[in-house]
């Protein structure tokens, strides 16, 4: 049994020595600033493509602005955070379809 424990320990150490040097320096290009699909406190923390901070049951997350036909929100929860859905990409508008449903649509006119 002791030989088996020593053998497993040897394999674990050799694996670690082989793997760790390959991981070193792999995150050199990461920008640890804003977020894209990650947690946020306000929309200003979100990167391009994820310009809106949305409040939901699993916390605040950066999400993309709504496109035509997608659910949208005009009302923020305050502090640069939106409730449930993002506002529409400009120049689209958030049209009220009734029963609490709002959808992005082309501007009228």
C-alpha atoms as a PDB file:
ATOM      1  CA  UNK A   1       0.000   0.000   0.000  1.00  0.00           C
ATOM      2  CA  UNK A   2       2.858   2.377   0.847  1.00  0.00           C
ATOM      3  CA  UNK A   3       4.430   1.841  -2.593  1.00  0.00           C
ATOM      4  CA  UNK A   4       1.103   2.783  -4.201  1.00  0.00           C
ATOM      5  CA  UNK A   5       0.929   6.049  -2.182  1.00  0.00           C
ATOM      6  CA  UNK A   6       4.500   6.965  -3.138  1.00  0.00           C
ATOM      7  CA  UNK A   7       3.762   6.145  -6.777  1.00  0.00           C
ATOM      8  CA  UNK A   8       0.637   8.335  -6.840  1.00  0.00           C
ATOM      9  CA  UNK A   9       2.495  11.183  -5.159  1.00  0.00           C
ATOM     10  CA  UNK A  10       5.301  10.904  -7.711  1.00  0.00           C
ATOM     11  CA  UNK A  11       2.836  11.009 -10.604  1.00  0.00           C
ATOM     12  CA  UNK A  12       1.071  14.062  -9.111  1.00  0.00           C
ATOM     13  CA  UNK A  13       4.361  15.945  -8.625  1.00  0.00           C
ATOM     14  CA  UNK A  14       5.593  15.129 -12.136  1.00  0.00           C
ATOM     15  CA  UNK A  15       2.265  16.233 -13.631  1.00  0.00           C
ATOM     16  CA  UNK A  16       2.389  19.523 -11.701  1.00  0.00           C
ATOM     17  CA  UNK A  17       5.981  20.192 -12.780  1.00  0.00           C
ATOM     18  CA  UNK A  18       5.037  19.505 -16.389  1.00  0.00           C
ATOM     19  CA  UNK A  19       1.834  21.621 -16.379  1.00  0.00           C
ATOM     20  CA  UNK A  20       2.634  24.724 -14.287  1.00  0.00           C
ATOM     21  CA  UNK A  21       5.420  26.161 -16.499  1.00  0.00           C
ATOM     22  CA  UNK A  22       3.075  26.038 -19.515  1.00  0.00           C
ATOM     23  CA  UNK A  23       0.478  28.154 -17.707  1.00  0.00           C
ATOM     24  CA  UNK A  24       2.946  30.831 -16.612  1.00  0.00           C
ATOM     25  CA  UNK A  25       2.391  34.149 -18.380  1.00  0.00           C
ATOM     26  CA  UNK A  26      -0.679  33.031 -20.344  1.00  0.00           C
ATOM     27  CA  UNK A  27      -2.807  35.960 -19.085  1.00  0.00           C
ATOM     28  CA  UNK A  28      -0.362  38.728 -20.053  1.00  0.00           C
ATOM     29  CA  UNK A  29      -2.840  40.311 -22.506  1.00  0.00           C
ATOM     30  CA  UNK A  30      -5.839  40.404 -20.149  1.00  0.00           C
ATOM     31  CA  UNK A  31      -7.280  43.836 -19.359  1.00  0.00           C
ATOM     32  CA  UNK A  32      -8.670  43.559 -15.836  1.00  0.00           C
ATOM     33  CA  UNK A  33     -10.705  46.796 -16.168  1.00  0.00           C
ATOM     34  CA  UNK A  34     -14.352  46.702 -17.320  1.00  0.00           C
ATOM     35  CA  UNK A  35     -16.547  43.706 -17.868  1.00  0.00           C
ATOM     36  CA  UNK A  36     -18.244  41.930 -20.761  1.00  0.00           C
ATOM     37  CA  UNK A  37     -20.962  39.595 -19.567  1.00  0.00           C
ATOM     38  CA  UNK A  38     -19.567  39.761 -16.059  1.00  0.00           C
ATOM     39  CA  UNK A  39     -20.582  41.528 -12.867  1.00  0.00           C
ATOM     40  CA  UNK A  40     -21.051  45.309 -12.858  1.00  0.00           C
ATOM     41  CA  UNK A  41     -22.155  48.103 -10.558  1.00  0.00           C
ATOM     42  CA  UNK A  42     -23.147  50.510 -13.365  1.00  0.00           C
ATOM     43  CA  UNK A  43     -23.200  50.602 -17.179  1.00  0.00           C
ATOM     44  CA  UNK A  44     -19.987  52.664 -17.374  1.00  0.00           C
ATOM     45  CA  UNK A  45     -18.055  49.533 -16.316  1.00  0.00           C
ATOM     46  CA  UNK A  46     -19.234  47.579 -19.363  1.00  0.00           C
ATOM     47  CA  UNK A  47     -17.158  47.280 -22.550  1.00  0.00           C
ATOM     48  CA  UNK A  48     -18.258  48.023 -26.112  1.00  0.00           C
ATOM     49  CA  UNK A  49     -20.739  45.414 -27.242  1.00  0.00           C
ATOM     50  CA  UNK A  50     -21.930  44.950 -23.639  1.00  0.00           C
ATOM     51  CA  UNK A  51     -22.893  48.550 -22.907  1.00  0.00           C
ATOM     52  CA  UNK A  52     -25.626  48.026 -20.323  1.00  0.00           C
ATOM     53  CA  UNK A  53     -25.586  46.766 -16.743  1.00  0.00           C
ATOM     54  CA  UNK A  54     -28.730  44.703 -16.027  1.00  0.00           C
ATOM     55  CA  UNK A  55     -30.090  43.765 -12.607  1.00  0.00           C
ATOM     56  CA  UNK A  56     -31.434  40.208 -12.326  1.00  0.00           C
ATOM     57  CA  UNK A  57     -31.903  37.508  -9.699  1.00  0.00           C
ATOM     58  CA  UNK A  58     -28.306  36.282 -10.164  1.00  0.00           C
ATOM     59  CA  UNK A  59     -26.782  39.766  -9.746  1.00  0.00           C
ATOM     60  CA  UNK A  60     -25.833  42.601 -12.080  1.00  0.00           C
ATOM     61  CA  UNK A  61     -24.372  41.615 -15.466  1.00  0.00           C
ATOM     62  CA  UNK A  62     -23.123  43.522 -18.524  1.00  0.00           C
ATOM     63  CA  UNK A  63     -25.253  42.729 -21.568  1.00  0.00           C
ATOM     64  CA  UNK A  64     -25.533  43.991 -25.156  1.00  0.00           C
ATOM     65  CA  UNK A  65     -28.003  46.726 -26.046  1.00  0.00           C
ATOM     66  CA  UNK A  66     -31.298  45.375 -27.428  1.00  0.00           C
ATOM     67  CA  UNK A  67     -31.787  45.049 -31.209  1.00  0.00           C
ATOM     68  CA  UNK A  68     -35.048  45.298 -33.214  1.00  0.00           C
ATOM     69  CA  UNK A  69     -37.486  42.607 -32.059  1.00  0.00           C
ATOM     70  CA  UNK A  70     -35.779  42.018 -28.707  1.00  0.00           C
ATOM     71  CA  UNK A  71     -37.182  42.835 -25.287  1.00  0.00           C
ATOM     72  CA  UNK A  72     -36.013  46.198 -23.983  1.00  0.00           C
ATOM     73  CA  UNK A  73     -36.194  48.519 -21.012  1.00  0.00           C
ATOM     74  CA  UNK A  74     -36.353  52.278 -20.771  1.00  0.00           C
ATOM     75  CA  UNK A  75     -36.317  52.371 -17.001  1.00  0.00           C
ATOM     76  CA  UNK A  76     -33.146  52.035 -15.032  1.00  0.00           C
ATOM     77  CA  UNK A  77     -33.006  50.575 -11.548  1.00  0.00           C
ATOM     78  CA  UNK A  78     -30.846  53.582 -10.665  1.00  0.00           C
ATOM     79  CA  UNK A  79     -27.108  54.197 -10.694  1.00  0.00           C
ATOM     80  CA  UNK A  80     -26.662  53.149 -14.342  1.00  0.00           C
ATOM     81  CA  UNK A  81     -28.323  49.739 -13.837  1.00  0.00           C
ATOM     82  CA  UNK A  82     -31.347  48.531 -15.859  1.00  0.00           C
ATOM     83  CA  UNK A  83     -34.117  46.169 -14.695  1.00  0.00           C
ATOM     84  CA  UNK A  84     -34.212  42.875 -16.604  1.00  0.00           C
ATOM     85  CA  UNK A  85     -33.480  44.190 -20.125  1.00  0.00           C
ATOM     86  CA  UNK A  86     -31.218  46.733 -21.820  1.00  0.00           C
ATOM     87  CA  UNK A  87     -32.332  49.819 -23.743  1.00  0.00           C
ATOM     88  CA  UNK A  88     -32.386  49.678 -27.554  1.00  0.00           C
ATOM     89  CA  UNK A  89     -29.467  50.389 -29.859  1.00  0.00           C
ATOM     90  CA  UNK A  90     -29.862  53.904 -31.269  1.00  0.00           C
ATOM     91  CA  UNK A  91     -31.876  55.017 -33.244  1.00  0.00           C
ATOM     92  CA  UNK A  92     -34.357  52.240 -32.348  1.00  0.00           C
ATOM     93  CA  UNK A  93     -36.998  52.872 -29.706  1.00  0.00           C
ATOM     94  CA  UNK A  94     -38.477  50.732 -26.957  1.00  0.00           C
ATOM     95  CA  UNK A  95     -42.161  50.253 -27.846  1.00  0.00           C
ATOM     96  CA  UNK A  96     -44.725  49.254 -25.201  1.00  0.00           C
ATOM     97  CA  UNK A  97     -46.677  46.208 -26.439  1.00  0.00           C
ATOM     98  CA  UNK A  98     -48.869  45.955 -23.330  1.00  0.00           C
ATOM     99  CA  UNK A  99     -48.878  43.682 -20.282  1.00  0.00           C
ATOM    100  CA  UNK A 100     -45.389  44.830 -19.318  1.00  0.00           C
ATOM    101  CA  UNK A 101     -43.807  43.745 -22.606  1.00  0.00           C
ATOM    102  CA  UNK A 102     -41.543  46.217 -24.396  1.00  0.00           C
ATOM    103  CA  UNK A 103     -39.855  45.447 -27.728  1.00  0.00           C
ATOM    104  CA  UNK A 104     -37.267  47.394 -29.759  1.00  0.00           C
ATOM    105  CA  UNK A 105     -38.681  48.789 -32.980  1.00  0.00           C
ATOM    106  CA  UNK A 106     -37.610  51.094 -35.791  1.00  0.00           C
ATOM    107  CA  UNK A 107     -38.201  54.775 -35.079  1.00  0.00           C
ATOM    108  CA  UNK A 108     -41.535  56.067 -36.322  1.00  0.00           C
ATOM    109  CA  UNK A 109     -41.587  58.670 -39.028  1.00  0.00           C
END
